[in-house]
Structure formats: structure tokens, C-alpha cells
Amino acid sequence: MVGAVLTSVILLLAAAWFVRRAEQVPGRLQSLIELPIEWISGIVRGTGGTRWAQYVGLVAAIFLFVLVANWIGLLPGVGTIGIVHHDEHGEELLVPLIRAASADLNLTLGLAIIAFVAFVYFGIRANGVRGYLKELLIAEPAYMTPLLTPIHIISELSRLISLSMRLFGNVFAGEVLLATMLALAPIIVPVVFLGLELIFGFVQALVFALLTMTYITLAIAEHRQHESHTETA
């Protein structure tokens, strides 16, 4: 939870600085802030269809939040400084004061719920409530509905699980690996793994954001497909 709050504070401070200090000719710090936003916006604009402008802000916000949340875990002391407790067998257990926010399943599940609600919302916005439920609950051909509808519903819900567990599993595994390397060889070897974790954190943020964009695009595309069938009939 502390990691999530810290992530939010960093992003809010960056946004406040950007609002007050943004100039027509950007300086180095402004360019550094604009770079990831323009880059992810370019991807959404190029692959998100004609309605990309409706959800590019959400995808960019998710990307930035997950990216900062992942990289916070690489700061000195995060995950390694905490309070030591003793269990019933007398063994020491370290409870970190700050952990990488994405290494907490509660956070990744919350982000996945936001993405899930978003693509359901855009599906309903494009298709209408009736059209969305028809797309979800009635299969084509109709006689296959008893078989395909449960599969379709499970497929929709599985996106929620896959989004949250993928991010949590990768970041948590990286945190454990880094702590192990620090314990075994605290001088040179961890530098290599810190570099790798920097890349992995970026990749995981990109994967989460692009999957969110893909699910939203599919929800809108299903609407178009439904419309084309109606017009043909």
C-alpha cells in the first residue's frame, strides 16, 4: 500500500510540475516526462482504430502507473528494510516497510478490475446494453448458445485473472530474485540484475497497457461485426 501511495505521489508531483512549467520548446525534464506519454499515445493512435482518442488517456495512465510502481521496487531499501519478527519456531521474518507496489496482488487485481470495467464500458458504449448482452450471451449460430455462452463468459472473466496474476507473478519473482542476489553477492552481480529488472519492469507495464488497449479495441470491434451482420441480414 505504501508503494502504491508513493507511486501516486510521484505521478501527481510530475503532473503538477508539468502543468506549471510546460513550455512550447521543452527542456530536458519536460522532454523526459513527455517521451513515454507520446510514445504510448503513438502506439494507441496507430493500432487502436478510429476511436483511439476515447481511451488513449486511460491506457497512458495505466502504463505510467505500472511503470513507476515497478521501478520503485529498484530503489535502495525498498523490500530490504523493515521490521523483524520471530515466528513460533524462532525464525526471523522481515516485514518490509516499503515494497514494490506491483508485488502486491491487491494492487494488480485493482488495476485489472479498472481495465475490466473499462472494456465492458466501451463495449456497452459502442453496442448499447442490449447489443452488448446479446453479443455476450447469444452465440452464432443460436443453437450453439448453451455450449458457447458459458465459454464466452469464462473467457471474459479470465482476462481479469490473467491481467492481475501476470503482473503480480513477474514483479514478485523479480523482487525475490533481486533479494536473493543481494544476499549472495552484494557488490557486483546485483547491478546486472538491477538492469534486467529495469527492462522487465518496463516490459510488464507495456504488456499490461497494450492488453488493456486490445480488450477495449476488441469490445468495439465486436460491435462493428455485429452491425455488419445486421446490415447484411
Foldseek 3Di string as FASTA:
>chain_A
DVLLVVLVVVVVVLVVCCVVPPDPDDDPSNCVVVVLLVVQLVVLVVPLPPCSVVCSVVLSVLLSSLLSLLLVQLDPQAPPDADWDADPVRDIDGDRPHHRPLLDLVVQLVSLVVLLVVLLVLLCVQANPVRSCCLQQADPVRVCRVPVNVVSVVVSVVSSVCRSCVSNVVSNVLSVVLVVCCVVPVDPVSVVSSVVSNVVSSVNSVVSSVVSSVSNSVSNVSNVVVVVVVVVD
